[in-house]
Amino acid sequence: MPGSGNGRECLDATVRSWGGWGTLDVIGAVGRFPTVIFTSALVVVLGFWLLVLLGRAGVRDFDADAPALARVFKGVPVAVAASVVTVSGWLVSLSGNVVVDRVGLTGLGAALARVTLLALSALIAGAVAHGLAASATKLFRGEHRSRQRDLASGTPFDPGSRLDSAGRRARGNRLAPDNRRARG
């Protein structure tokens, strides 16, 4: 009813003044290619950070699994860098998807625009992550790098050490006892 003071009228007028972009346009764009790829990754990222908040995962848990990425991002945890890539790629893809929809491209033109949008989103997301990593390096410089851990005991894993059946450390081709005698 016009003039009833309904908040919906105000919202509709605001959406029309923005060029007609409505919530349904954005929600629809979330489920379309290429944004749906980034949306799936965003759900995984949010799940990971929930596990970090609950104390079940650590921020640097992926550094040992992806040492090349840890070097590329100059000490910034791989999980943080991957989260930045995912969020920025999602935002670029989402906004590009809404623009492609509003322009009214269909058929082959829309398909080419969306494939180009996927590549563009990935490139921009990588550039944003590298730019933020350069400035965030100072924040993470003081932290020590996490090492791989033995899955069974949770102790740091040293790939160069082995234990024989008596619990002595193997060094090279010889077995050396853990307790060495003090030389006098």
C-alpha atoms as a PDB file:
ATOM      1  CA  MET A   1       0.000   0.000   0.000  1.00  0.00           C
ATOM      2  CA  PRO A   2       1.493   3.336  -1.018  1.00  0.00           C
ATOM      3  CA  GLY A   3       2.114   5.794   1.760  1.00  0.00           C
ATOM      4  CA  SER A   4       1.743   3.214   4.525  1.00  0.00           C
ATOM      5  CA  GLY A   5       5.274   3.836   5.768  1.00  0.00           C
ATOM      6  CA  ASN A   6       6.278   0.346   4.742  1.00  0.00           C
ATOM      7  CA  GLY A   7      10.039  -0.182   4.840  1.00  0.00           C
ATOM      8  CA  ARG A   8       9.791  -2.320   1.715  1.00  0.00           C
ATOM      9  CA  GLU A   9       8.840   0.737  -0.389  1.00  0.00           C
ATOM     10  CA  CYS A  10      11.920   2.577   0.817  1.00  0.00           C
ATOM     11  CA  LEU A  11      14.098  -0.421   0.005  1.00  0.00           C
ATOM     12  CA  ASP A  12      12.583  -0.771  -3.471  1.00  0.00           C
ATOM     13  CA  ALA A  13      13.159   2.927  -4.148  1.00  0.00           C
ATOM     14  CA  THR A  14      16.772   2.625  -2.999  1.00  0.00           C
ATOM     15  CA  VAL A  15      17.371  -0.402  -5.220  1.00  0.00           C
ATOM     16  CA  ARG A  16      15.835   1.416  -8.201  1.00  0.00           C
ATOM     17  CA  SER A  17      18.086   4.419  -7.558  1.00  0.00           C
ATOM     18  CA  TRP A  18      21.118   2.119  -7.667  1.00  0.00           C
ATOM     19  CA  GLY A  19      20.193   1.029 -11.145  1.00  0.00           C
ATOM     20  CA  GLY A  20      17.917  -1.829 -10.195  1.00  0.00           C
ATOM     21  CA  TRP A  21      20.518  -4.131  -8.620  1.00  0.00           C
ATOM     22  CA  GLY A  22      18.619  -6.178  -6.135  1.00  0.00           C
ATOM     23  CA  THR A  23      19.494  -8.786  -3.600  1.00  0.00           C
ATOM     24  CA  LEU A  24      18.148 -11.479  -5.884  1.00  0.00           C
ATOM     25  CA  ASP A  25      20.606 -10.419  -8.610  1.00  0.00           C
ATOM     26  CA  VAL A  26      23.511 -10.900  -6.225  1.00  0.00           C
ATOM     27  CA  ILE A  27      22.189 -14.182  -4.830  1.00  0.00           C
ATOM     28  CA  GLY A  28      21.672 -15.473  -8.356  1.00  0.00           C
ATOM     29  CA  ALA A  29      25.214 -14.470  -9.313  1.00  0.00           C
ATOM     30  CA  VAL A  30      26.644 -16.441  -6.374  1.00  0.00           C
ATOM     31  CA  GLY A  31      25.378 -19.685  -7.893  1.00  0.00           C
ATOM     32  CA  ARG A  32      26.504 -19.056 -11.478  1.00  0.00           C
ATOM     33  CA  PHE A  33      29.819 -19.793 -13.145  1.00  0.00           C
ATOM     34  CA  PRO A  34      32.519 -18.674 -12.318  1.00  0.00           C
ATOM     35  CA  THR A  35      31.445 -17.350  -8.914  1.00  0.00           C
ATOM     36  CA  VAL A  36      30.202 -20.778  -7.832  1.00  0.00           C
ATOM     37  CA  ILE A  37      33.826 -22.025  -7.912  1.00  0.00           C
ATOM     38  CA  PHE A  38      34.944 -19.292  -5.543  1.00  0.00           C
ATOM     39  CA  THR A  39      31.807 -19.773  -3.423  1.00  0.00           C
ATOM     40  CA  SER A  40      32.710 -23.422  -2.861  1.00  0.00           C
ATOM     41  CA  ALA A  41      36.259 -22.460  -1.918  1.00  0.00           C
ATOM     42  CA  LEU A  42      34.907 -19.747   0.382  1.00  0.00           C
ATOM     43  CA  VAL A  43      32.824 -22.313   2.280  1.00  0.00           C
ATOM     44  CA  VAL A  44      35.985 -24.404   2.799  1.00  0.00           C
ATOM     45  CA  VAL A  45      37.938 -21.334   3.966  1.00  0.00           C
ATOM     46  CA  LEU A  46      35.206 -20.388   6.437  1.00  0.00           C
ATOM     47  CA  GLY A  47      35.183 -23.958   7.755  1.00  0.00           C
ATOM     48  CA  PHE A  48      38.955 -23.864   8.225  1.00  0.00           C
ATOM     49  CA  TRP A  49      38.835 -20.592  10.154  1.00  0.00           C
ATOM     50  CA  LEU A  50      36.047 -22.004  12.327  1.00  0.00           C
ATOM     51  CA  LEU A  51      38.372 -24.904  13.170  1.00  0.00           C
ATOM     52  CA  VAL A  52      41.133 -22.405  13.989  1.00  0.00           C
ATOM     53  CA  LEU A  53      38.782 -20.542  16.325  1.00  0.00           C
ATOM     54  CA  LEU A  54      37.852 -23.801  18.029  1.00  0.00           C
ATOM     55  CA  GLY A  55      41.536 -24.685  18.457  1.00  0.00           C
ATOM     56  CA  ARG A  56      41.405 -27.760  16.207  1.00  0.00           C
ATOM     57  CA  ALA A  57      43.712 -26.303  13.541  1.00  0.00           C
ATOM     58  CA  GLY A  58      46.576 -23.855  13.502  1.00  0.00           C
ATOM     59  CA  VAL A  59      47.172 -20.898  11.227  1.00  0.00           C
ATOM     60  CA  ARG A  60      50.493 -22.360  10.040  1.00  0.00           C
ATOM     61  CA  ASP A  61      49.308 -25.948   9.574  1.00  0.00           C
ATOM     62  CA  PHE A  62      49.667 -25.771   5.774  1.00  0.00           C
ATOM     63  CA  ASP A  63      53.134 -24.199   5.684  1.00  0.00           C
ATOM     64  CA  ALA A  64      54.886 -27.582   5.863  1.00  0.00           C
ATOM     65  CA  ASP A  65      52.601 -29.012   3.168  1.00  0.00           C
ATOM     66  CA  ALA A  66      53.227 -26.162   0.732  1.00  0.00           C
ATOM     67  CA  PRO A  67      56.758 -24.851   1.338  1.00  0.00           C
ATOM     68  CA  ALA A  68      56.933 -23.225  -2.106  1.00  0.00           C
ATOM     69  CA  LEU A  69      53.844 -21.143  -1.364  1.00  0.00           C
ATOM     70  CA  ALA A  70      55.241 -20.245   2.046  1.00  0.00           C
ATOM     71  CA  ARG A  71      58.353 -18.875   0.305  1.00  0.00           C
ATOM     72  CA  VAL A  72      56.326 -17.034  -2.350  1.00  0.00           C
ATOM     73  CA  PHE A  73      54.284 -15.251   0.297  1.00  0.00           C
ATOM     74  CA  LYS A  74      57.422 -14.313   2.267  1.00  0.00           C
ATOM     75  CA  GLY A  75      56.529 -15.706   5.670  1.00  0.00           C
ATOM     76  CA  VAL A  76      52.800 -15.002   5.640  1.00  0.00           C
ATOM     77  CA  PRO A  77      50.998 -18.232   6.580  1.00  0.00           C
ATOM     78  CA  VAL A  78      49.743 -20.166   3.571  1.00  0.00           C
ATOM     79  CA  ALA A  79      46.261 -20.353   5.100  1.00  0.00           C
ATOM     80  CA  VAL A  80      46.075 -16.556   5.343  1.00  0.00           C
ATOM     81  CA  ALA A  81      47.294 -16.109   1.767  1.00  0.00           C
ATOM     82  CA  ALA A  82      44.860 -18.723   0.451  1.00  0.00           C
ATOM     83  CA  SER A  83      42.031 -17.040   2.326  1.00  0.00           C
ATOM     84  CA  VAL A  84      42.903 -13.670   0.787  1.00  0.00           C
ATOM     85  CA  VAL A  85      43.043 -15.219  -2.688  1.00  0.00           C
ATOM     86  CA  THR A  86      39.677 -16.895  -2.160  1.00  0.00           C
ATOM     87  CA  VAL A  87      37.864 -13.871  -0.760  1.00  0.00           C
ATOM     88  CA  SER A  88      39.238 -11.395  -3.295  1.00  0.00           C
ATOM     89  CA  GLY A  89      38.591 -13.798  -6.183  1.00  0.00           C
ATOM     90  CA  TRP A  90      35.047 -14.317  -4.934  1.00  0.00           C
ATOM     91  CA  LEU A  91      34.392 -10.572  -4.704  1.00  0.00           C
ATOM     92  CA  VAL A  92      35.785  -9.853  -8.193  1.00  0.00           C
ATOM     93  CA  SER A  93      33.916 -12.803  -9.682  1.00  0.00           C
ATOM     94  CA  LEU A  94      30.666 -11.878  -7.959  1.00  0.00           C
ATOM     95  CA  SER A  95      30.747  -8.248  -9.056  1.00  0.00           C
ATOM     96  CA  GLY A  96      31.768  -9.225 -12.598  1.00  0.00           C
ATOM     97  CA  ASN A  97      28.982 -11.782 -12.759  1.00  0.00           C
ATOM     98  CA  VAL A  98      26.396  -9.190 -11.740  1.00  0.00           C
ATOM     99  CA  VAL A  99      27.739  -6.791 -14.384  1.00  0.00           C
ATOM    100  CA  VAL A 100      27.596  -9.501 -17.087  1.00  0.00           C
ATOM    101  CA  ASP A 101      23.990 -10.203 -16.096  1.00  0.00           C
ATOM    102  CA  ARG A 102      23.046  -6.520 -16.103  1.00  0.00           C
ATOM    103  CA  VAL A 103      24.627  -5.928 -19.515  1.00  0.00           C
ATOM    104  CA  GLY A 104      22.383  -8.643 -20.893  1.00  0.00           C
ATOM    105  CA  LEU A 105      24.928 -10.839 -22.656  1.00  0.00           C
ATOM    106  CA  THR A 106      23.567 -14.199 -23.775  1.00  0.00           C
ATOM    107  CA  GLY A 107      24.824 -17.274 -25.595  1.00  0.00           C
ATOM    108  CA  LEU A 108      28.435 -17.407 -26.729  1.00  0.00           C
ATOM    109  CA  GLY A 109      29.107 -13.820 -25.648  1.00  0.00           C
ATOM    110  CA  ALA A 110      28.056 -14.580 -22.086  1.00  0.00           C
ATOM    111  CA  ALA A 111      30.096 -17.801 -22.049  1.00  0.00           C
ATOM    112  CA  LEU A 112      33.240 -15.997 -23.245  1.00  0.00           C
ATOM    113  CA  ALA A 113      32.670 -13.193 -20.763  1.00  0.00           C
ATOM    114  CA  ARG A 114      32.343 -15.655 -17.879  1.00  0.00           C
ATOM    115  CA  VAL A 115      35.459 -17.638 -18.833  1.00  0.00           C
ATOM    116  CA  THR A 116      37.379 -14.365 -19.140  1.00  0.00           C
ATOM    117  CA  LEU A 117      35.958 -13.331 -15.779  1.00  0.00           C
ATOM    118  CA  LEU A 118      37.297 -16.533 -14.195  1.00  0.00           C
ATOM    119  CA  ALA A 119      40.813 -15.828 -15.481  1.00  0.00           C
ATOM    120  CA  LEU A 120      40.591 -12.161 -14.527  1.00  0.00           C
ATOM    121  CA  SER A 121      39.327 -13.003 -11.035  1.00  0.00           C
ATOM    122  CA  ALA A 122      42.205 -15.416 -10.452  1.00  0.00           C
ATOM    123  CA  LEU A 123      44.797 -12.902 -11.685  1.00  0.00           C
ATOM    124  CA  ILE A 124      43.423 -10.059  -9.585  1.00  0.00           C
ATOM    125  CA  ALA A 125      43.130 -12.324  -6.529  1.00  0.00           C
ATOM    126  CA  GLY A 126      46.769 -13.386  -6.903  1.00  0.00           C
ATOM    127  CA  ALA A 127      47.901  -9.783  -7.282  1.00  0.00           C
ATOM    128  CA  VAL A 128      45.922  -8.717  -4.206  1.00  0.00           C
ATOM    129  CA  ALA A 129      47.397 -11.583  -2.159  1.00  0.00           C
ATOM    130  CA  HIS A 130      50.962 -10.724  -3.224  1.00  0.00           C
ATOM    131  CA  GLY A 131      50.391  -7.058  -2.472  1.00  0.00           C
ATOM    132  CA  LEU A 132      49.001  -7.784   0.962  1.00  0.00           C
ATOM    133  CA  ALA A 133      51.727 -10.350   1.656  1.00  0.00           C
ATOM    134  CA  ALA A 134      54.392  -7.742   1.029  1.00  0.00           C
ATOM    135  CA  SER A 135      52.864  -5.432   3.613  1.00  0.00           C
ATOM    136  CA  ALA A 136      51.900  -8.192   6.067  1.00  0.00           C
ATOM    137  CA  THR A 137      55.371  -9.742   6.132  1.00  0.00           C
ATOM    138  CA  LYS A 138      56.271  -7.436   9.013  1.00  0.00           C
ATOM    139  CA  LEU A 139      53.386  -8.822  11.089  1.00  0.00           C
ATOM    140  CA  PHE A 140      54.433 -12.459  10.732  1.00  0.00           C
ATOM    141  CA  ARG A 141      58.223 -12.018  10.752  1.00  0.00           C
ATOM    142  CA  GLY A 142      58.562 -12.682  14.485  1.00  0.00           C
ATOM    143  CA  GLU A 143      56.688 -15.998  14.389  1.00  0.00           C
ATOM    144  CA  HIS A 144      58.612 -19.210  13.986  1.00  0.00           C
ATOM    145  CA  ARG A 145      57.759 -21.487  11.115  1.00  0.00           C
ATOM    146  CA  SER A 146      55.857 -24.602  12.002  1.00  0.00           C
ATOM    147  CA  ARG A 147      57.447 -27.920  11.247  1.00  0.00           C
ATOM    148  CA  GLN A 148      55.928 -31.128  10.079  1.00  0.00           C
ATOM    149  CA  ARG A 149      54.572 -33.213  12.913  1.00  0.00           C
ATOM    150  CA  ASP A 150      54.350 -36.922  13.405  1.00  0.00           C
ATOM    151  CA  LEU A 151      50.666 -37.765  13.051  1.00  0.00           C
ATOM    152  CA  ALA A 152      50.692 -40.452  15.748  1.00  0.00           C
ATOM    153  CA  SER A 153      52.404 -38.590  18.576  1.00  0.00           C
ATOM    154  CA  GLY A 154      52.185 -34.915  17.567  1.00  0.00           C
ATOM    155  CA  THR A 155      55.946 -34.510  17.998  1.00  0.00           C
ATOM    156  CA  PRO A 156      57.996 -32.645  15.379  1.00  0.00           C
ATOM    157  CA  PHE A 157      58.912 -34.924  12.505  1.00  0.00           C
ATOM    158  CA  ASP A 158      62.572 -35.217  11.546  1.00  0.00           C
ATOM    159  CA  PRO A 159      62.872 -37.074   8.236  1.00  0.00           C
ATOM    160  CA  GLY A 160      66.554 -37.825   8.907  1.00  0.00           C
ATOM    161  CA  SER A 161      65.988 -39.750  12.123  1.00  0.00           C
ATOM    162  CA  ARG A 162      64.759 -43.295  12.569  1.00  0.00           C
ATOM    163  CA  LEU A 163      64.383 -45.489  15.629  1.00  0.00           C
ATOM    164  CA  ASP A 164      65.381 -49.113  15.781  1.00  0.00           C
ATOM    165  CA  SER A 165      63.383 -51.728  17.698  1.00  0.00           C
ATOM    166  CA  ALA A 166      65.212 -50.849  20.952  1.00  0.00           C
ATOM    167  CA  GLY A 167      64.285 -47.152  20.669  1.00  0.00           C
ATOM    168  CA  ARG A 168      67.751 -45.970  19.654  1.00  0.00           C
ATOM    169  CA  ARG A 169      68.177 -43.311  16.993  1.00  0.00           C
ATOM    170  CA  ALA A 170      69.620 -44.444  13.689  1.00  0.00           C
ATOM    171  CA  ARG A 171      72.146 -42.048  12.197  1.00  0.00           C
ATOM    172  CA  GLY A 172      73.325 -42.699   8.697  1.00  0.00           C
ATOM    173  CA  ASN A 173      74.000 -46.417   8.365  1.00  0.00           C
ATOM    174  CA  ARG A 174      74.906 -46.879  12.038  1.00  0.00           C
ATOM    175  CA  LEU A 175      72.721 -46.948  15.111  1.00  0.00           C
ATOM    176  CA  ALA A 176      73.699 -44.467  17.789  1.00  0.00           C
ATOM    177  CA  PRO A 177      72.308 -44.520  21.335  1.00  0.00           C
ATOM    178  CA  ASP A 178      70.418 -41.448  22.525  1.00  0.00           C
ATOM    179  CA  ASN A 179      72.421 -41.267  25.776  1.00  0.00           C
ATOM    180  CA  ARG A 180      76.092 -40.748  24.984  1.00  0.00           C
ATOM    181  CA  ARG A 181      78.724 -41.015  27.664  1.00  0.00           C
ATOM    182  CA  ALA A 182      80.390 -37.835  28.790  1.00  0.00           C
ATOM    183  CA  ARG A 183      84.005 -37.687  27.758  1.00  0.00           C
ATOM    184  CA  GLY A 184      86.347 -37.132  30.599  1.00  0.00           C
END
